[in-house]
Structures are given as C-alpha cells and as structure tokens.
PDB file of N, CA and C in Angstrom:
ATOM      1  N   MET A   1      16.907  12.735  -2.262  1.00  0.00           N
ATOM      2  CA  MET A   1      16.675  11.627  -3.166  1.00  0.00           C
ATOM      3  C   MET A   1      15.216  11.634  -3.614  1.00  0.00           C
ATOM      4  N   GLN A   2      14.993  11.401  -4.887  1.00  0.00           N
ATOM      5  CA  GLN A   2      13.653  11.413  -5.432  1.00  0.00           C
ATOM      6  C   GLN A   2      12.904  10.142  -5.040  1.00  0.00           C
ATOM      7  N   SER A   3      11.640  10.300  -4.680  1.00  0.00           N
ATOM      8  CA  SER A   3      10.826   9.165  -4.271  1.00  0.00           C
ATOM      9  C   SER A   3      10.486   8.296  -5.474  1.00  0.00           C
ATOM     10  N   LYS A   4      10.459   6.991  -5.258  1.00  0.00           N
ATOM     11  CA  LYS A   4      10.122   6.062  -6.319  1.00  0.00           C
ATOM     12  C   LYS A   4       8.649   5.665  -6.270  1.00  0.00           C
ATOM     13  N   ILE A   5       7.887   6.248  -5.357  1.00  0.00           N
ATOM     14  CA  ILE A   5       6.483   5.906  -5.208  1.00  0.00           C
ATOM     15  C   ILE A   5       5.621   6.895  -5.976  1.00  0.00           C
ATOM     16  N   VAL A   6       4.731   6.357  -6.806  1.00  0.00           N
ATOM     17  CA  VAL A   6       3.797   7.172  -7.566  1.00  0.00           C
ATOM     18  C   VAL A   6       2.394   6.681  -7.230  1.00  0.00           C
ATOM     19  N   SER A   7       1.511   7.605  -6.925  1.00  0.00           N
ATOM     20  CA  SER A   7       0.149   7.259  -6.552  1.00  0.00           C
ATOM     21  C   SER A   7      -0.697   6.934  -7.779  1.00  0.00           C
ATOM     22  N   ILE A   8      -1.642   6.038  -7.600  1.00  0.00           N
ATOM     23  CA  ILE A   8      -2.586   5.699  -8.660  1.00  0.00           C
ATOM     24  C   ILE A   8      -3.715   6.718  -8.596  1.00  0.00           C
ATOM     25  N   SER A   9      -4.115   7.260  -9.739  1.00  0.00           N
ATOM     26  CA  SER A   9      -5.126   8.305  -9.708  1.00  0.00           C
ATOM     27  C   SER A   9      -6.349   8.022 -10.587  1.00  0.00           C
ATOM     28  N   LYS A  10      -6.225   7.161 -11.552  1.00  0.00           N
ATOM     29  CA  LYS A  10      -7.328   6.922 -12.475  1.00  0.00           C
ATOM     30  C   LYS A  10      -8.338   5.935 -11.892  1.00  0.00           C
ATOM     31  N   ASN A  11      -9.605   6.245 -12.074  1.00  0.00           N
ATOM     32  CA  ASN A  11     -10.682   5.414 -11.549  1.00  0.00           C
ATOM     33  C   ASN A  11     -10.641   4.010 -12.153  1.00  0.00           C
ATOM     34  N   GLU A  12     -10.332   3.919 -13.441  1.00  0.00           N
ATOM     35  CA  GLU A  12     -10.289   2.610 -14.092  1.00  0.00           C
ATOM     36  C   GLU A  12      -9.153   1.747 -13.543  1.00  0.00           C
ATOM     37  N   ASP A  13      -8.034   2.374 -13.123  1.00  0.00           N
ATOM     38  CA  ASP A  13      -6.943   1.610 -12.516  1.00  0.00           C
ATOM     39  C   ASP A  13      -7.374   1.018 -11.172  1.00  0.00           C
ATOM     40  N   PHE A  14      -8.126   1.797 -10.390  1.00  0.00           N
ATOM     41  CA  PHE A  14      -8.634   1.277  -9.116  1.00  0.00           C
ATOM     42  C   PHE A  14      -9.571   0.090  -9.346  1.00  0.00           C
ATOM     43  N   LYS A  15     -10.477   0.228 -10.298  1.00  0.00           N
ATOM     44  CA  LYS A  15     -11.415  -0.859 -10.595  1.00  0.00           C
ATOM     45  C   LYS A  15     -10.676  -2.094 -11.089  1.00  0.00           C
ATOM     46  N   ASN A  16      -9.639  -1.874 -11.889  1.00  0.00           N
ATOM     47  CA  ASN A  16      -8.817  -2.965 -12.397  1.00  0.00           C
ATOM     48  C   ASN A  16      -8.105  -3.692 -11.253  1.00  0.00           C
ATOM     49  N   LEU A  17      -7.558  -2.925 -10.309  1.00  0.00           N
ATOM     50  CA  LEU A  17      -6.839  -3.514  -9.182  1.00  0.00           C
ATOM     51  C   LEU A  17      -7.755  -4.334  -8.286  1.00  0.00           C
ATOM     52  N   LEU A  18      -8.984  -3.875  -8.098  1.00  0.00           N
ATOM     53  CA  LEU A  18      -9.916  -4.595  -7.236  1.00  0.00           C
ATOM     54  C   LEU A  18     -10.305  -5.948  -7.823  1.00  0.00           C
ATOM     55  N   LYS A  19     -10.099  -6.129  -9.116  1.00  0.00           N
ATOM     56  CA  LYS A  19     -10.356  -7.419  -9.755  1.00  0.00           C
ATOM     57  C   LYS A  19      -9.147  -8.347  -9.667  1.00  0.00           C
ATOM     58  N   GLY A  20      -8.020  -7.818  -9.217  1.00  0.00           N
ATOM     59  CA  GLY A  20      -6.780  -8.599  -9.148  1.00  0.00           C
ATOM     60  C   GLY A  20      -6.703  -9.461  -7.905  1.00  0.00           C
ATOM     61  N   LYS A  21      -5.490  -9.881  -7.582  1.00  0.00           N
ATOM     62  CA  LYS A  21      -5.260 -10.741  -6.421  1.00  0.00           C
ATOM     63  C   LYS A  21      -5.311  -9.934  -5.140  1.00  0.00           C
ATOM     64  N   LYS A  22      -5.583 -10.632  -4.026  1.00  0.00           N
ATOM     65  CA  LYS A  22      -5.777  -9.962  -2.749  1.00  0.00           C
ATOM     66  C   LYS A  22      -5.001 -10.692  -1.659  1.00  0.00           C
ATOM     67  N   LEU A  23      -4.410  -9.912  -0.764  1.00  0.00           N
ATOM     68  CA  LEU A  23      -3.675 -10.456   0.371  1.00  0.00           C
ATOM     69  C   LEU A  23      -4.119  -9.699   1.622  1.00  0.00           C
ATOM     70  N   SER A  24      -4.694 -10.414   2.591  1.00  0.00           N
ATOM     71  CA  SER A  24      -5.224  -9.757   3.791  1.00  0.00           C
ATOM     72  C   SER A  24      -4.359 -10.054   5.002  1.00  0.00           C
ATOM     73  N   SER A  25      -4.339  -9.091   5.921  1.00  0.00           N
ATOM     74  CA  SER A  25      -3.662  -9.270   7.200  1.00  0.00           C
ATOM     75  C   SER A  25      -4.474  -8.564   8.272  1.00  0.00           C
ATOM     76  N   LYS A  26      -3.928  -8.509   9.470  1.00  0.00           N
ATOM     77  CA  LYS A  26      -4.612  -7.899  10.602  1.00  0.00           C
ATOM     78  C   LYS A  26      -4.811  -6.396  10.407  1.00  0.00           C
ATOM     79  N   TYR A  27      -3.872  -5.744   9.733  1.00  0.00           N
ATOM     80  CA  TYR A  27      -3.871  -4.290   9.640  1.00  0.00           C
ATOM     81  C   TYR A  27      -4.397  -3.737   8.323  1.00  0.00           C
ATOM     82  N   PHE A  28      -4.275  -4.482   7.236  1.00  0.00           N
ATOM     83  CA  PHE A  28      -4.684  -3.966   5.941  1.00  0.00           C
ATOM     84  C   PHE A  28      -4.917  -5.088   4.951  1.00  0.00           C
ATOM     85  N   THR A  29      -5.521  -4.719   3.835  1.00  0.00           N
ATOM     86  CA  THR A  29      -5.722  -5.617   2.704  1.00  0.00           C
ATOM     87  C   THR A  29      -4.975  -5.021   1.520  1.00  0.00           C
ATOM     88  N   ILE A  30      -4.185  -5.848   0.854  1.00  0.00           N
ATOM     89  CA  ILE A  30      -3.411  -5.386  -0.303  1.00  0.00           C
ATOM     90  C   ILE A  30      -3.955  -6.052  -1.559  1.00  0.00           C
ATOM     91  N   PHE A  31      -4.388  -5.233  -2.506  1.00  0.00           N
ATOM     92  CA  PHE A  31      -4.771  -5.722  -3.819  1.00  0.00           C
ATOM     93  C   PHE A  31      -3.604  -5.444  -4.753  1.00  0.00           C
ATOM     94  N   PHE A  32      -3.278  -6.403  -5.612  1.00  0.00           N
ATOM     95  CA  PHE A  32      -2.171  -6.209  -6.546  1.00  0.00           C
ATOM     96  C   PHE A  32      -2.468  -6.891  -7.868  1.00  0.00           C
ATOM     97  N   LYS A  33      -1.959  -6.275  -8.938  1.00  0.00           N
ATOM     98  CA  LYS A  33      -2.188  -6.805 -10.273  1.00  0.00           C
ATOM     99  C   LYS A  33      -1.185  -6.187 -11.227  1.00  0.00           C
ATOM    100  N   LYS A  34      -0.801  -6.939 -12.236  1.00  0.00           N
ATOM    101  CA  LYS A  34       0.049  -6.386 -13.287  1.00  0.00           C
ATOM    102  C   LYS A  34      -0.820  -5.550 -14.211  1.00  0.00           C
ATOM    103  N   ILE A  35      -0.342  -4.349 -14.519  1.00  0.00           N
ATOM    104  CA  ILE A  35      -1.068  -3.471 -15.424  1.00  0.00           C
ATOM    105  C   ILE A  35      -0.171  -3.181 -16.618  1.00  0.00           C
ATOM    106  N   LEU A  36      -0.756  -3.263 -17.796  1.00  0.00           N
ATOM    107  CA  LEU A  36       0.003  -3.033 -19.027  1.00  0.00           C
ATOM    108  C   LEU A  36       0.402  -1.570 -19.137  1.00  0.00           C
ATOM    109  N   ASN A  37       1.427  -1.294 -19.903  1.00  0.00           N
ATOM    110  CA  ASN A  37       1.944   0.059 -20.160  1.00  0.00           C
ATOM    111  C   ASN A  37       2.356   0.762 -18.872  1.00  0.00           C
ATOM    112  N   LYS A  38       2.986   0.043 -17.972  1.00  0.00           N
ATOM    113  CA  LYS A  38       3.424   0.605 -16.698  1.00  0.00           C
ATOM    114  C   LYS A  38       4.921   0.840 -16.732  1.00  0.00           C
ATOM    115  N   ASN A  39       5.361   1.969 -16.180  1.00  0.00           N
ATOM    116  CA  ASN A  39       6.777   2.285 -16.085  1.00  0.00           C
ATOM    117  C   ASN A  39       7.375   1.513 -14.905  1.00  0.00           C
ATOM    118  N   ASN A  40       8.344   0.640 -15.156  1.00  0.00           N
ATOM    119  CA  ASN A  40       8.902  -0.212 -14.107  1.00  0.00           C
ATOM    120  C   ASN A  40       9.919   0.495 -13.218  1.00  0.00           C
ATOM    121  N   LYS A  41      10.192   1.774 -13.460  1.00  0.00           N
ATOM    122  CA  LYS A  41      11.119   2.508 -12.602  1.00  0.00           C
ATOM    123  C   LYS A  41      10.434   2.993 -11.332  1.00  0.00           C
ATOM    124  N   TYR A  42       9.095   3.063 -11.351  1.00  0.00           N
ATOM    125  CA  TYR A  42       8.344   3.588 -10.215  1.00  0.00           C
ATOM    126  C   TYR A  42       7.405   2.545  -9.652  1.00  0.00           C
ATOM    127  N   LEU A  43       7.117   2.681  -8.379  1.00  0.00           N
ATOM    128  CA  LEU A  43       6.180   1.797  -7.694  1.00  0.00           C
ATOM    129  C   LEU A  43       4.822   2.485  -7.665  1.00  0.00           C
ATOM    130  N   ASN A  44       3.843   1.920  -8.371  1.00  0.00           N
ATOM    131  CA  ASN A  44       2.499   2.485  -8.384  1.00  0.00           C
ATOM    132  C   ASN A  44       1.724   1.893  -7.209  1.00  0.00           C
ATOM    133  N   ILE A  45       1.414   2.734  -6.241  1.00  0.00           N
ATOM    134  CA  ILE A  45       0.725   2.270  -5.045  1.00  0.00           C
ATOM    135  C   ILE A  45      -0.164   3.386  -4.517  1.00  0.00           C
ATOM    136  N   SER A  46      -1.319   3.001  -3.994  1.00  0.00           N
ATOM    137  CA  SER A  46      -2.217   3.967  -3.356  1.00  0.00           C
ATOM    138  C   SER A  46      -2.647   3.422  -2.012  1.00  0.00           C
ATOM    139  N   PHE A  47      -2.899   4.337  -1.098  1.00  0.00           N
ATOM    140  CA  PHE A  47      -3.318   3.985   0.257  1.00  0.00           C
ATOM    141  C   PHE A  47      -4.710   4.526   0.487  1.00  0.00           C
ATOM    142  N   VAL A  48      -5.581   3.686   1.052  1.00  0.00           N
ATOM    143  CA  VAL A  48      -6.961   4.076   1.307  1.00  0.00           C
ATOM    144  C   VAL A  48      -7.279   3.808   2.767  1.00  0.00           C
ATOM    145  N   ALA A  49      -7.876   4.810   3.418  1.00  0.00           N
ATOM    146  CA  ALA A  49      -8.397   4.659   4.775  1.00  0.00           C
ATOM    147  C   ALA A  49      -9.868   5.045   4.715  1.00  0.00           C
ATOM    148  N   LYS A  50     -10.749   4.114   5.054  1.00  0.00           N
ATOM    149  CA  LYS A  50     -12.184   4.356   4.947  1.00  0.00           C
ATOM    150  C   LYS A  50     -12.655   5.332   6.018  1.00  0.00           C
ATOM    151  N   LYS A  51     -13.791   5.965   5.748  1.00  0.00           N
ATOM    152  CA  LYS A  51     -14.352   6.935   6.693  1.00  0.00           C
ATOM    153  C   LYS A  51     -14.735   6.289   8.011  1.00  0.00           C
ATOM    154  N   LYS A  52     -14.977   5.003   8.000  1.00  0.00           N
ATOM    155  CA  LYS A  52     -15.353   4.273   9.209  1.00  0.00           C
ATOM    156  C   LYS A  52     -14.234   4.310  10.259  1.00  0.00           C
ATOM    157  N   ILE A  53     -12.986   4.469   9.816  1.00  0.00           N
ATOM    158  CA  ILE A  53     -11.836   4.477  10.723  1.00  0.00           C
ATOM    159  C   ILE A  53     -11.845   5.697  11.628  1.00  0.00           C
ATOM    160  N   GLY A  54     -12.227   6.853  11.107  1.00  0.00           N
ATOM    161  CA  GLY A  54     -12.233   8.052  11.937  1.00  0.00           C
ATOM    162  C   GLY A  54     -12.295   9.308  11.094  1.00  0.00           C
ATOM    163  N   ASN A  55     -11.970  10.423  11.729  1.00  0.00           N
ATOM    164  CA  ASN A  55     -12.032  11.694  11.009  1.00  0.00           C
ATOM    165  C   ASN A  55     -10.836  11.837  10.066  1.00  0.00           C
ATOM    166  N   ALA A  56     -10.798  12.943   9.351  1.00  0.00           N
ATOM    167  CA  ALA A  56      -9.774  13.154   8.320  1.00  0.00           C
ATOM    168  C   ALA A  56      -8.369  13.164   8.899  1.00  0.00           C
ATOM    169  N   ILE A  57      -8.209  13.665  10.107  1.00  0.00           N
ATOM    170  CA  ILE A  57      -6.879  13.712  10.737  1.00  0.00           C
ATOM    171  C   ILE A  57      -6.338  12.306  10.955  1.00  0.00           C
ATOM    172  N   LYS A  58      -7.177  11.410  11.473  1.00  0.00           N
ATOM    173  CA  LYS A  58      -6.758  10.021  11.690  1.00  0.00           C
ATOM    174  C   LYS A  58      -6.458   9.322  10.370  1.00  0.00           C
ATOM    175  N   ARG A  59      -7.331   9.509   9.390  1.00  0.00           N
ATOM    176  CA  ARG A  59      -7.134   8.840   8.094  1.00  0.00           C
ATOM    177  C   ARG A  59      -5.860   9.307   7.418  1.00  0.00           C
ATOM    178  N   ASN A  60      -5.587  10.615   7.466  1.00  0.00           N
ATOM    179  CA  ASN A  60      -4.365  11.139   6.853  1.00  0.00           C
ATOM    180  C   ASN A  60      -3.122  10.655   7.577  1.00  0.00           C
ATOM    181  N   LYS A  61      -3.191  10.546   8.911  1.00  0.00           N
ATOM    182  CA  LYS A  61      -2.055  10.027   9.678  1.00  0.00           C
ATOM    183  C   LYS A  61      -1.757   8.586   9.280  1.00  0.00           C
ATOM    184  N   ILE A  62      -2.808   7.787   9.132  1.00  0.00           N
ATOM    185  CA  ILE A  62      -2.636   6.387   8.727  1.00  0.00           C
ATOM    186  C   ILE A  62      -1.970   6.317   7.358  1.00  0.00           C
ATOM    187  N   LYS A  63      -2.448   7.131   6.415  1.00  0.00           N
ATOM    188  CA  LYS A  63      -1.872   7.105   5.065  1.00  0.00           C
ATOM    189  C   LYS A  63      -0.422   7.577   5.062  1.00  0.00           C
ATOM    190  N   ARG A  64      -0.101   8.592   5.875  1.00  0.00           N
ATOM    191  CA  ARG A  64       1.294   9.061   5.977  1.00  0.00           C
ATOM    192  C   ARG A  64       2.190   7.963   6.531  1.00  0.00           C
ATOM    193  N   ARG A  65       1.730   7.274   7.571  1.00  0.00           N
ATOM    194  CA  ARG A  65       2.529   6.197   8.165  1.00  0.00           C
ATOM    195  C   ARG A  65       2.766   5.074   7.150  1.00  0.00           C
ATOM    196  N   LEU A  66       1.710   4.677   6.445  1.00  0.00           N
ATOM    197  CA  LEU A  66       1.849   3.595   5.467  1.00  0.00           C
ATOM    198  C   LEU A  66       2.784   3.984   4.328  1.00  0.00           C
ATOM    199  N   LYS A  67       2.707   5.240   3.904  1.00  0.00           N
ATOM    200  CA  LYS A  67       3.601   5.695   2.829  1.00  0.00           C
ATOM    201  C   LYS A  67       5.053   5.692   3.306  1.00  0.00           C
ATOM    202  N   ASN A  68       5.276   6.108   4.544  1.00  0.00           N
ATOM    203  CA  ASN A  68       6.620   6.103   5.122  1.00  0.00           C
ATOM    204  C   ASN A  68       7.165   4.672   5.214  1.00  0.00           C
ATOM    205  N   MET A  69       6.325   3.743   5.650  1.00  0.00           N
ATOM    206  CA  MET A  69       6.745   2.340   5.735  1.00  0.00           C
ATOM    207  C   MET A  69       7.069   1.780   4.362  1.00  0.00           C
ATOM    208  N   THR A  70       6.288   2.153   3.365  1.00  0.00           N
ATOM    209  CA  THR A  70       6.534   1.666   2.016  1.00  0.00           C
ATOM    210  C   THR A  70       7.830   2.238   1.455  1.00  0.00           C
ATOM    211  N   ASN A  71       8.132   3.500   1.774  1.00  0.00           N
ATOM    212  CA  ASN A  71       9.420   4.080   1.373  1.00  0.00           C
ATOM    213  C   ASN A  71      10.578   3.279   1.951  1.00  0.00           C
ATOM    214  N   ASP A  72      10.475   2.883   3.228  1.00  0.00           N
ATOM    215  CA  ASP A  72      11.507   2.044   3.839  1.00  0.00           C
ATOM    216  C   ASP A  72      11.577   0.679   3.168  1.00  0.00           C
ATOM    217  N   ALA A  73      10.416   0.132   2.822  1.00  0.00           N
ATOM    218  CA  ALA A  73      10.375  -1.185   2.185  1.00  0.00           C
ATOM    219  C   ALA A  73      11.053  -1.167   0.825  1.00  0.00           C
ATOM    220  N   VAL A  74      10.878  -0.073   0.085  1.00  0.00           N
ATOM    221  CA  VAL A  74      11.516   0.044  -1.237  1.00  0.00           C
ATOM    222  C   VAL A  74      13.031   0.024  -1.086  1.00  0.00           C
ATOM    223  N   LYS A  75      13.536   0.654  -0.024  1.00  0.00           N
ATOM    224  CA  LYS A  75      14.977   0.730   0.195  1.00  0.00           C
ATOM    225  C   LYS A  75      15.558  -0.577   0.737  1.00  0.00           C
ATOM    226  N   LYS A  76      14.826  -1.294   1.588  1.00  0.00           N
ATOM    227  CA  LYS A  76      15.388  -2.426   2.321  1.00  0.00           C
ATOM    228  C   LYS A  76      15.073  -3.791   1.734  1.00  0.00           C
ATOM    229  N   ILE A  77      13.897  -3.971   1.149  1.00  0.00           N
ATOM    230  CA  ILE A  77      13.545  -5.289   0.603  1.00  0.00           C
ATOM    231  C   ILE A  77      13.243  -5.158  -0.883  1.00  0.00           C
ATOM    232  N   SER A  78      13.169  -6.285  -1.559  1.00  0.00           N
ATOM    233  CA  SER A  78      12.895  -6.247  -3.005  1.00  0.00           C
ATOM    234  C   SER A  78      11.394  -6.335  -3.229  1.00  0.00           C
ATOM    235  N   ILE A  79      10.830  -5.233  -3.688  1.00  0.00           N
ATOM    236  CA  ILE A  79       9.405  -5.175  -4.015  1.00  0.00           C
ATOM    237  C   ILE A  79       9.281  -5.295  -5.523  1.00  0.00           C
ATOM    238  N   ASN A  80       8.299  -6.052  -5.966  1.00  0.00           N
ATOM    239  CA  ASN A  80       8.088  -6.259  -7.386  1.00  0.00           C
ATOM    240  C   ASN A  80       7.477  -4.999  -8.003  1.00  0.00           C
ATOM    241  N   PHE A  81       8.233  -4.285  -8.825  1.00  0.00           N
ATOM    242  CA  PHE A  81       7.782  -3.042  -9.436  1.00  0.00           C
ATOM    243  C   PHE A  81       6.892  -3.292 -10.653  1.00  0.00           C
ATOM    244  N   ASN A  82       6.717  -4.555 -11.057  1.00  0.00           N
ATOM    245  CA  ASN A  82       5.844  -4.870 -12.189  1.00  0.00           C
ATOM    246  C   ASN A  82       4.374  -4.773 -11.814  1.00  0.00           C
ATOM    247  N   TYR A  83       4.084  -4.841 -10.520  1.00  0.00           N
ATOM    248  CA  TYR A  83       2.707  -4.802 -10.045  1.00  0.00           C
ATOM    249  C   TYR A  83       2.306  -3.387  -9.639  1.00  0.00           C
ATOM    250  N   CYS A  84       0.997  -3.153  -9.646  1.00  0.00           N
ATOM    251  CA  CYS A  84       0.412  -1.963  -9.031  1.00  0.00           C
ATOM    252  C   CYS A  84      -0.276  -2.443  -7.755  1.00  0.00           C
ATOM    253  N   TYR A  85      -0.236  -1.622  -6.714  1.00  0.00           N
ATOM    254  CA  TYR A  85      -0.747  -2.028  -5.414  1.00  0.00           C
ATOM    255  C   TYR A  85      -1.808  -1.053  -4.913  1.00  0.00           C
ATOM    256  N   LEU A  86      -2.767  -1.594  -4.168  1.00  0.00           N
ATOM    257  CA  LEU A  86      -3.771  -0.797  -3.474  1.00  0.00           C
ATOM    258  C   LEU A  86      -3.828  -1.312  -2.044  1.00  0.00           C
ATOM    259  N   VAL A  87      -3.479  -0.460  -1.085  1.00  0.00           N
ATOM    260  CA  VAL A  87      -3.448  -0.846   0.322  1.00  0.00           C
ATOM    261  C   VAL A  87      -4.638  -0.196   1.014  1.00  0.00           C
ATOM    262  N   ILE A  88      -5.553  -1.034   1.525  1.00  0.00           N
ATOM    263  CA  ILE A  88      -6.726  -0.536   2.235  1.00  0.00           C
ATOM    264  C   ILE A  88      -6.532  -0.813   3.719  1.00  0.00           C
ATOM    265  N   ALA A  89      -6.475   0.256   4.512  1.00  0.00           N
ATOM    266  CA  ALA A  89      -6.203   0.145   5.947  1.00  0.00           C
ATOM    267  C   ALA A  89      -7.435  -0.338   6.694  1.00  0.00           C
ATOM    268  N   LYS A  90      -7.190  -1.079   7.783  1.00  0.00           N
ATOM    269  CA  LYS A  90      -8.258  -1.538   8.667  1.00  0.00           C
ATOM    270  C   LYS A  90      -8.233  -0.731   9.964  1.00  0.00           C
ATOM    271  N   ASN A  91      -9.211  -0.966  10.827  1.00  0.00           N
ATOM    272  CA  ASN A  91      -9.389  -0.155  12.033  1.00  0.00           C
ATOM    273  C   ASN A  91      -8.205  -0.183  12.991  1.00  0.00           C
ATOM    274  N   ASN A  92      -7.521  -1.314  13.161  1.00  0.00           N
ATOM    275  CA  ASN A  92      -6.469  -1.410  14.169  1.00  0.00           C
ATOM    276  C   ASN A  92      -5.156  -0.750  13.757  1.00  0.00           C
ATOM    277  N   VAL A  93      -5.054  -0.203  12.573  1.00  0.00           N
ATOM    278  CA  VAL A  93      -3.805   0.444  12.150  1.00  0.00           C
ATOM    279  C   VAL A  93      -3.520   1.678  12.998  1.00  0.00           C
ATOM    280  N   PHE A  94      -4.544   2.411  13.366  1.00  0.00           N
ATOM    281  CA  PHE A  94      -4.340   3.662  14.100  1.00  0.00           C
ATOM    282  C   PHE A  94      -3.870   3.417  15.531  1.00  0.00           C
ATOM    283  N   ASN A  95      -4.354   2.360  16.169  1.00  0.00           N
ATOM    284  CA  ASN A  95      -4.088   2.148  17.592  1.00  0.00           C
ATOM    285  C   ASN A  95      -2.838   1.323  17.883  1.00  0.00           C
ATOM    286  N   ASP A  96      -2.430   0.454  16.974  1.00  0.00           N
ATOM    287  CA  ASP A  96      -1.300  -0.430  17.251  1.00  0.00           C
ATOM    288  C   ASP A  96       0.033   0.257  16.999  1.00  0.00           C
ATOM    289  N   GLU A  97       1.108  -0.423  17.444  1.00  0.00           N
ATOM    290  CA  GLU A  97       2.447   0.166  17.361  1.00  0.00           C
ATOM    291  C   GLU A  97       2.992   0.165  15.934  1.00  0.00           C
ATOM    292  N   TYR A  98       3.799   1.177  15.675  1.00  0.00           N
ATOM    293  CA  TYR A  98       4.391   1.396  14.350  1.00  0.00           C
ATOM    294  C   TYR A  98       5.221   0.189  13.918  1.00  0.00           C
ATOM    295  N   LYS A  99       6.051  -0.336  14.820  1.00  0.00           N
ATOM    296  CA  LYS A  99       6.961  -1.424  14.435  1.00  0.00           C
ATOM    297  C   LYS A  99       6.206  -2.699  14.079  1.00  0.00           C
ATOM    298  N   ASP A 100       5.076  -2.974  14.738  1.00  0.00           N
ATOM    299  CA  ASP A 100       4.292  -4.164  14.414  1.00  0.00           C
ATOM    300  C   ASP A 100       3.656  -4.044  13.030  1.00  0.00           C
ATOM    301  N   ILE A 101       3.139  -2.866  12.742  1.00  0.00           N
ATOM    302  CA  ILE A 101       2.512  -2.631  11.438  1.00  0.00           C
ATOM    303  C   ILE A 101       3.561  -2.721  10.337  1.00  0.00           C
ATOM    304  N   LYS A 102       4.739  -2.139  10.595  1.00  0.00           N
ATOM    305  CA  LYS A 102       5.825  -2.152   9.615  1.00  0.00           C
ATOM    306  C   LYS A 102       6.281  -3.583   9.331  1.00  0.00           C
ATOM    307  N   LYS A 103       6.398  -4.383  10.374  1.00  0.00           N
ATOM    308  CA  LYS A 103       6.814  -5.778  10.218  1.00  0.00           C
ATOM    309  C   LYS A 103       5.797  -6.550   9.364  1.00  0.00           C
ATOM    310  N   THR A 104       4.514  -6.314   9.606  1.00  0.00           N
ATOM    311  CA  THR A 104       3.463  -6.973   8.834  1.00  0.00           C
ATOM    312  C   THR A 104       3.496  -6.535   7.374  1.00  0.00           C
ATOM    313  N   LEU A 105       3.684  -5.236   7.143  1.00  0.00           N
ATOM    314  CA  LEU A 105       3.751  -4.729   5.766  1.00  0.00           C
ATOM    315  C   LEU A 105       4.931  -5.330   5.015  1.00  0.00           C
ATOM    316  N   PHE A 106       6.098  -5.376   5.668  1.00  0.00           N
ATOM    317  CA  PHE A 106       7.283  -5.955   5.037  1.00  0.00           C
ATOM    318  C   PHE A 106       7.042  -7.424   4.685  1.00  0.00           C
ATOM    319  N   SER A 107       6.466  -8.192   5.604  1.00  0.00           N
ATOM    320  CA  SER A 107       6.238  -9.612   5.336  1.00  0.00           C
ATOM    321  C   SER A 107       5.230  -9.820   4.209  1.00  0.00           C
ATOM    322  N   ASN A 108       4.226  -8.946   4.133  1.00  0.00           N
ATOM    323  CA  ASN A 108       3.254  -9.070   3.042  1.00  0.00           C
ATOM    324  C   ASN A 108       3.885  -8.755   1.686  1.00  0.00           C
ATOM    325  N   PHE A 109       4.738  -7.732   1.633  1.00  0.00           N
ATOM    326  CA  PHE A 109       5.413  -7.433   0.364  1.00  0.00           C
ATOM    327  C   PHE A 109       6.376  -8.550  -0.017  1.00  0.00           C
ATOM    328  N   GLU A 110       6.978  -9.216   0.962  1.00  0.00           N
ATOM    329  CA  GLU A 110       7.861 -10.358   0.668  1.00  0.00           C
ATOM    330  C   GLU A 110       7.068 -11.519   0.069  1.00  0.00           C
ATOM    331  N   ARG A 111       5.829 -11.695   0.523  1.00  0.00           N
ATOM    332  CA  ARG A 111       4.994 -12.799   0.027  1.00  0.00           C
ATOM    333  C   ARG A 111       4.555 -12.566  -1.418  1.00  0.00           C
ATOM    334  N   ILE A 112       4.461 -11.321  -1.837  1.00  0.00           N
ATOM    335  CA  ILE A 112       4.032 -11.009  -3.212  1.00  0.00           C
ATOM    336  C   ILE A 112       5.266 -11.062  -4.117  1.00  0.00           C
ATOM    337  N   LYS A 113       5.347 -12.054  -4.945  1.00  0.00           N
ATOM    338  CA  LYS A 113       6.469 -12.197  -5.886  1.00  0.00           C
ATOM    339  C   LYS A 113       5.955 -12.448  -7.280  1.00  0.00           C
TER     340      LYS A 113
END
C-alpha cells in the first residue's frame, strides 16, 4: 500500500508553519497550519529531532518511530489532511516507552480539528 505521508521540504513552508498554531506535550511540540495550494490526498508532515537530543543514530531512530506512529494514526483515527504539520521531538522521546508516546501522539492529533 502506498504511503499517504509526504515530507515538507521547502524552507518557506517550515517558516510558514512556525508562524501557525502550536500544541505542546511531554514528548513533542506540533506546529500546524493550513497552507494554500495543498493536495488533500496526502498528509504533509515533517519530523525534527534537534542535535541536543543525541547523535545521528538516536535522532534517526526517533524520526523513524514518529513516522511509524503517524502511519498508524492515518489508518486508525481521522487526521485533518487540510493542515500541514511539523513535529519537533523533545528529549524524553528516546527513553520512554513506545506505547506511551503513541498514545500521546494520537490524542494530540485528535485535539487538532
């Protein structure tokens, strides 16, 4: 099955998202905003892990886990595809359990309507 997640790549899109609304939790901060000329068939989302979290192996693992959780979220809950999302991971994402992080991510996406 083809993935419905498309990464954001343009610098201006990132700057635009940072000016949008923000939702914080224990594990990450989610910035979201409606962007014009967006294809509603795909979910535009990017994951960021700062260098402060650890080396490249840790940061890539965090991003892989978050992308996997988001794939599950697309299948199981209704995510608003009109928005673009930027998920910035915090330090405790690497050490805490997968199911707790997943539960928090699902609840945050439910709050964004």
